[in-house]
Amino acid sequence: MTWARELLAATGVAVAPGIDFDTENGHEWVRLCFAGETSEMEEAIRRIGVFTGRG
């Protein structure tokens, strides 16, 4: 959950912590929603990449 909060604060991109969906193994995952304009999704993925050092 901390990583999701840090991502939101740093990038403005919200993700759902995986722990919300799988209490046993969800700490390793996040859930994304792609319901939006393609350009918005591309920008969100770009920001996540920069945040993680992969973009």
PDB file of N, CA and C in Angstrom:
ATOM      1  N   MET A   1       0.829  -1.183   0.000  1.00  0.00           N
ATOM      2  CA  MET A   1       0.000   0.000   0.000  1.00  0.00           C
ATOM      3  C   MET A   1       0.874   1.248   0.000  1.00  0.00           C
ATOM      4  N   THR A   2       1.998   1.223   0.690  1.00  0.00           N
ATOM      5  CA  THR A   2       2.882   2.380   0.743  1.00  0.00           C
ATOM      6  C   THR A   2       3.369   2.759  -0.645  1.00  0.00           C
ATOM      7  N   TRP A   3       3.752   1.769  -1.449  1.00  0.00           N
ATOM      8  CA  TRP A   3       4.243   2.044  -2.791  1.00  0.00           C
ATOM      9  C   TRP A   3       3.173   2.746  -3.611  1.00  0.00           C
ATOM     10  N   ALA A   4       1.942   2.305  -3.512  1.00  0.00           N
ATOM     11  CA  ALA A   4       0.845   2.928  -4.254  1.00  0.00           C
ATOM     12  C   ALA A   4       0.656   4.379  -3.823  1.00  0.00           C
ATOM     13  N   ARG A   5       0.774   4.645  -2.544  1.00  0.00           N
ATOM     14  CA  ARG A   5       0.657   6.029  -2.049  1.00  0.00           C
ATOM     15  C   ARG A   5       1.813   6.884  -2.539  1.00  0.00           C
ATOM     16  N   GLU A   6       3.012   6.338  -2.515  1.00  0.00           N
ATOM     17  CA  GLU A   6       4.185   7.074  -2.989  1.00  0.00           C
ATOM     18  C   GLU A   6       4.064   7.376  -4.478  1.00  0.00           C
ATOM     19  N   LEU A   7       3.598   6.405  -5.246  1.00  0.00           N
ATOM     20  CA  LEU A   7       3.387   6.601  -6.679  1.00  0.00           C
ATOM     21  C   LEU A   7       2.391   7.727  -6.920  1.00  0.00           C
ATOM     22  N   LEU A   8       1.276   7.702  -6.228  1.00  0.00           N
ATOM     23  CA  LEU A   8       0.257   8.735  -6.386  1.00  0.00           C
ATOM     24  C   LEU A   8       0.810  10.113  -6.040  1.00  0.00           C
ATOM     25  N   ALA A   9       1.516  10.216  -4.935  1.00  0.00           N
ATOM     26  CA  ALA A   9       2.061  11.508  -4.507  1.00  0.00           C
ATOM     27  C   ALA A   9       3.084  12.047  -5.501  1.00  0.00           C
ATOM     28  N   ALA A  10       3.894  11.168  -6.053  1.00  0.00           N
ATOM     29  CA  ALA A  10       4.974  11.597  -6.939  1.00  0.00           C
ATOM     30  C   ALA A  10       4.538  11.830  -8.374  1.00  0.00           C
ATOM     31  N   THR A  11       3.512  11.100  -8.825  1.00  0.00           N
ATOM     32  CA  THR A  11       3.178  11.124 -10.252  1.00  0.00           C
ATOM     33  C   THR A  11       1.747  11.524 -10.570  1.00  0.00           C
ATOM     34  N   GLY A  12       0.872  11.434  -9.585  1.00  0.00           N
ATOM     35  CA  GLY A  12      -0.544  11.681  -9.848  1.00  0.00           C
ATOM     36  C   GLY A  12      -1.253  10.480 -10.452  1.00  0.00           C
ATOM     37  N   VAL A  13      -0.571   9.339 -10.487  1.00  0.00           N
ATOM     38  CA  VAL A  13      -1.147   8.106 -11.032  1.00  0.00           C
ATOM     39  C   VAL A  13      -1.594   7.222  -9.876  1.00  0.00           C
ATOM     40  N   ALA A  14      -2.855   6.818  -9.907  1.00  0.00           N
ATOM     41  CA  ALA A  14      -3.393   5.958  -8.852  1.00  0.00           C
ATOM     42  C   ALA A  14      -3.445   4.512  -9.326  1.00  0.00           C
ATOM     43  N   VAL A  15      -3.037   3.609  -8.463  1.00  0.00           N
ATOM     44  CA  VAL A  15      -3.165   2.172  -8.690  1.00  0.00           C
ATOM     45  C   VAL A  15      -3.799   1.574  -7.443  1.00  0.00           C
ATOM     46  N   ALA A  16      -4.421   0.431  -7.604  1.00  0.00           N
ATOM     47  CA  ALA A  16      -5.018  -0.260  -6.460  1.00  0.00           C
ATOM     48  C   ALA A  16      -4.019  -1.286  -5.941  1.00  0.00           C
ATOM     49  N   PRO A  17      -3.682  -1.228  -4.664  1.00  0.00           N
ATOM     50  CA  PRO A  17      -2.755  -2.215  -4.107  1.00  0.00           C
ATOM     51  C   PRO A  17      -3.309  -3.632  -4.262  1.00  0.00           C
ATOM     52  N   GLY A  18      -2.466  -4.549  -4.680  1.00  0.00           N
ATOM     53  CA  GLY A  18      -2.897  -5.922  -4.879  1.00  0.00           C
ATOM     54  C   GLY A  18      -3.426  -6.584  -3.626  1.00  0.00           C
ATOM     55  N   ILE A  19      -2.976  -6.127  -2.482  1.00  0.00           N
ATOM     56  CA  ILE A  19      -3.407  -6.709  -1.209  1.00  0.00           C
ATOM     57  C   ILE A  19      -4.917  -6.568  -1.029  1.00  0.00           C
ATOM     58  N   ASP A  20      -5.515  -5.576  -1.717  1.00  0.00           N
ATOM     59  CA  ASP A  20      -6.964  -5.393  -1.655  1.00  0.00           C
ATOM     60  C   ASP A  20      -7.712  -6.540  -2.331  1.00  0.00           C
ATOM     61  N   PHE A  21      -7.031  -7.278  -3.202  1.00  0.00           N
ATOM     62  CA  PHE A  21      -7.665  -8.335  -3.979  1.00  0.00           C
ATOM     63  C   PHE A  21      -7.177  -9.730  -3.601  1.00  0.00           C
ATOM     64  N   ASP A  22      -6.004  -9.806  -2.992  1.00  0.00           N
ATOM     65  CA  ASP A  22      -5.433 -11.094  -2.587  1.00  0.00           C
ATOM     66  C   ASP A  22      -4.617 -10.861  -1.319  1.00  0.00           C
ATOM     67  N   THR A  23      -5.212 -11.150  -0.180  1.00  0.00           N
ATOM     68  CA  THR A  23      -4.562 -10.850   1.097  1.00  0.00           C
ATOM     69  C   THR A  23      -3.324 -11.706   1.351  1.00  0.00           C
ATOM     70  N   GLU A  24      -3.197 -12.812   0.637  1.00  0.00           N
ATOM     71  CA  GLU A  24      -2.054 -13.696   0.846  1.00  0.00           C
ATOM     72  C   GLU A  24      -0.845 -13.308  -0.006  1.00  0.00           C
ATOM     73  N   ASN A  25      -1.066 -13.068  -1.296  1.00  0.00           N
ATOM     74  CA  ASN A  25       0.041 -12.801  -2.216  1.00  0.00           C
ATOM     75  C   ASN A  25      -0.006 -11.416  -2.852  1.00  0.00           C
ATOM     76  N   GLY A  26      -1.007 -10.649  -2.526  1.00  0.00           N
ATOM     77  CA  GLY A  26      -1.230  -9.374  -3.194  1.00  0.00           C
ATOM     78  C   GLY A  26      -0.199  -8.301  -2.937  1.00  0.00           C
ATOM     79  N   HIS A  27       0.640  -8.475  -1.925  1.00  0.00           N
ATOM     80  CA  HIS A  27       1.654  -7.460  -1.625  1.00  0.00           C
ATOM     81  C   HIS A  27       2.667  -7.301  -2.751  1.00  0.00           C
ATOM     82  N   GLU A  28       2.691  -8.228  -3.687  1.00  0.00           N
ATOM     83  CA  GLU A  28       3.632  -8.186  -4.805  1.00  0.00           C
ATOM     84  C   GLU A  28       3.043  -7.546  -6.056  1.00  0.00           C
ATOM     85  N   TRP A  29       1.782  -7.125  -6.007  1.00  0.00           N
ATOM     86  CA  TRP A  29       1.080  -6.700  -7.213  1.00  0.00           C
ATOM     87  C   TRP A  29       0.320  -5.393  -7.006  1.00  0.00           C
ATOM     88  N   VAL A  30      -0.005  -4.746  -8.118  1.00  0.00           N
ATOM     89  CA  VAL A  30      -0.957  -3.636  -8.119  1.00  0.00           C
ATOM     90  C   VAL A  30      -1.947  -3.897  -9.240  1.00  0.00           C
ATOM     91  N   ARG A  31      -3.096  -3.268  -9.146  1.00  0.00           N
ATOM     92  CA  ARG A  31      -4.105  -3.394 -10.189  1.00  0.00           C
ATOM     93  C   ARG A  31      -4.252  -2.052 -10.880  1.00  0.00           C
ATOM     94  N   LEU A  32      -4.309  -2.103 -12.201  1.00  0.00           N
ATOM     95  CA  LEU A  32      -4.468  -0.909 -13.021  1.00  0.00           C
ATOM     96  C   LEU A  32      -5.832  -0.922 -13.690  1.00  0.00           C
ATOM     97  N   CYS A  33      -6.350   0.248 -13.985  1.00  0.00           N
ATOM     98  CA  CYS A  33      -7.586   0.383 -14.750  1.00  0.00           C
ATOM     99  C   CYS A  33      -7.257   1.133 -16.031  1.00  0.00           C
ATOM    100  N   PHE A  34      -7.638   0.569 -17.150  1.00  0.00           N
ATOM    101  CA  PHE A  34      -7.352   1.185 -18.444  1.00  0.00           C
ATOM    102  C   PHE A  34      -8.606   1.784 -19.075  1.00  0.00           C
ATOM    103  N   ALA A  35      -9.551   2.211 -18.261  1.00  0.00           N
ATOM    104  CA  ALA A  35     -10.787   2.826 -18.754  1.00  0.00           C
ATOM    105  C   ALA A  35     -10.550   4.320 -18.923  1.00  0.00           C
ATOM    106  N   GLY A  36     -10.106   4.701 -20.072  1.00  0.00           N
ATOM    107  CA  GLY A  36      -9.829   6.106 -20.352  1.00  0.00           C
ATOM    108  C   GLY A  36      -9.276   6.247 -21.754  1.00  0.00           C
ATOM    109  N   GLU A  37      -8.895   7.452 -22.080  1.00  0.00           N
ATOM    110  CA  GLU A  37      -8.310   7.715 -23.389  1.00  0.00           C
ATOM    111  C   GLU A  37      -6.941   7.041 -23.498  1.00  0.00           C
ATOM    112  N   THR A  38      -6.635   6.555 -24.672  1.00  0.00           N
ATOM    113  CA  THR A  38      -5.350   5.893 -24.895  1.00  0.00           C
ATOM    114  C   THR A  38      -4.194   6.806 -24.520  1.00  0.00           C
ATOM    115  N   SER A  39      -4.289   8.071 -24.876  1.00  0.00           N
ATOM    116  CA  SER A  39      -3.199   9.003 -24.565  1.00  0.00           C
ATOM    117  C   SER A  39      -3.002   9.161 -23.058  1.00  0.00           C
ATOM    118  N   GLU A  40      -4.085   9.112 -22.290  1.00  0.00           N
ATOM    119  CA  GLU A  40      -3.978   9.195 -20.827  1.00  0.00           C
ATOM    120  C   GLU A  40      -3.311   7.950 -20.258  1.00  0.00           C
ATOM    121  N   MET A  41      -3.647   6.798 -20.809  1.00  0.00           N
ATOM    122  CA  MET A  41      -3.045   5.547 -20.342  1.00  0.00           C
ATOM    123  C   MET A  41      -1.559   5.519 -20.677  1.00  0.00           C
ATOM    124  N   GLU A  42      -1.203   5.976 -21.875  1.00  0.00           N
ATOM    125  CA  GLU A  42       0.206   6.020 -22.259  1.00  0.00           C
ATOM    126  C   GLU A  42       0.997   6.941 -21.334  1.00  0.00           C
ATOM    127  N   GLU A  43       0.416   8.079 -20.989  1.00  0.00           N
ATOM    128  CA  GLU A  43       1.090   9.013 -20.079  1.00  0.00           C
ATOM    129  C   GLU A  43       1.235   8.404 -18.688  1.00  0.00           C
ATOM    130  N   ALA A  44       0.203   7.724 -18.214  1.00  0.00           N
ATOM    131  CA  ALA A  44       0.275   7.086 -16.893  1.00  0.00           C
ATOM    132  C   ALA A  44       1.381   6.032 -16.867  1.00  0.00           C
ATOM    133  N   ILE A  45       1.461   5.227 -17.901  1.00  0.00           N
ATOM    134  CA  ILE A  45       2.502   4.195 -17.971  1.00  0.00           C
ATOM    135  C   ILE A  45       3.885   4.839 -18.052  1.00  0.00           C
ATOM    136  N   ARG A  46       4.003   5.933 -18.794  1.00  0.00           N
ATOM    137  CA  ARG A  46       5.280   6.647 -18.871  1.00  0.00           C
ATOM    138  C   ARG A  46       5.699   7.134 -17.485  1.00  0.00           C
ATOM    139  N   ARG A  47       4.749   7.718 -16.745  1.00  0.00           N
ATOM    140  CA  ARG A  47       5.044   8.228 -15.404  1.00  0.00           C
ATOM    141  C   ARG A  47       5.446   7.105 -14.451  1.00  0.00           C
ATOM    142  N   ILE A  48       4.758   5.971 -14.551  1.00  0.00           N
ATOM    143  CA  ILE A  48       5.124   4.824 -13.714  1.00  0.00           C
ATOM    144  C   ILE A  48       6.544   4.375 -14.052  1.00  0.00           C
ATOM    145  N   GLY A  49       6.866   4.357 -15.340  1.00  0.00           N
ATOM    146  CA  GLY A  49       8.215   3.985 -15.758  1.00  0.00           C
ATOM    147  C   GLY A  49       9.277   4.907 -15.190  1.00  0.00           C
ATOM    148  N   VAL A  50       9.019   6.204 -15.223  1.00  0.00           N
ATOM    149  CA  VAL A  50       9.965   7.167 -14.647  1.00  0.00           C
ATOM    150  C   VAL A  50      10.085   6.942 -13.145  1.00  0.00           C
ATOM    151  N   PHE A  51       8.960   6.747 -12.476  1.00  0.00           N
ATOM    152  CA  PHE A  51       8.951   6.540 -11.027  1.00  0.00           C
ATOM    153  C   PHE A  51       9.759   5.305 -10.632  1.00  0.00           C
ATOM    154  N   THR A  52       9.643   4.254 -11.416  1.00  0.00           N
ATOM    155  CA  THR A  52      10.340   3.006 -11.090  1.00  0.00           C
ATOM    156  C   THR A  52      11.768   2.965 -11.629  1.00  0.00           C
ATOM    157  N   GLY A  53      12.152   4.009 -12.353  1.00  0.00           N
ATOM    158  CA  GLY A  53      13.495   4.052 -12.920  1.00  0.00           C
ATOM    159  C   GLY A  53      13.640   3.254 -14.190  1.00  0.00           C
ATOM    160  N   ARG A  54      12.525   2.927 -14.815  1.00  0.00           N
ATOM    161  CA  ARG A  54      12.555   2.112 -16.036  1.00  0.00           C
ATOM    162  C   ARG A  54      12.083   2.886 -17.254  1.00  0.00           C
ATOM    163  N   GLY A  55      11.870   4.175 -17.087  1.00  0.00           N
ATOM    164  CA  GLY A  55      11.336   4.943 -18.214  1.00  0.00           C
ATOM    165  C   GLY A  55      12.150   6.134 -18.571  1.00  0.00           C
TER     166      GLY A  55
END
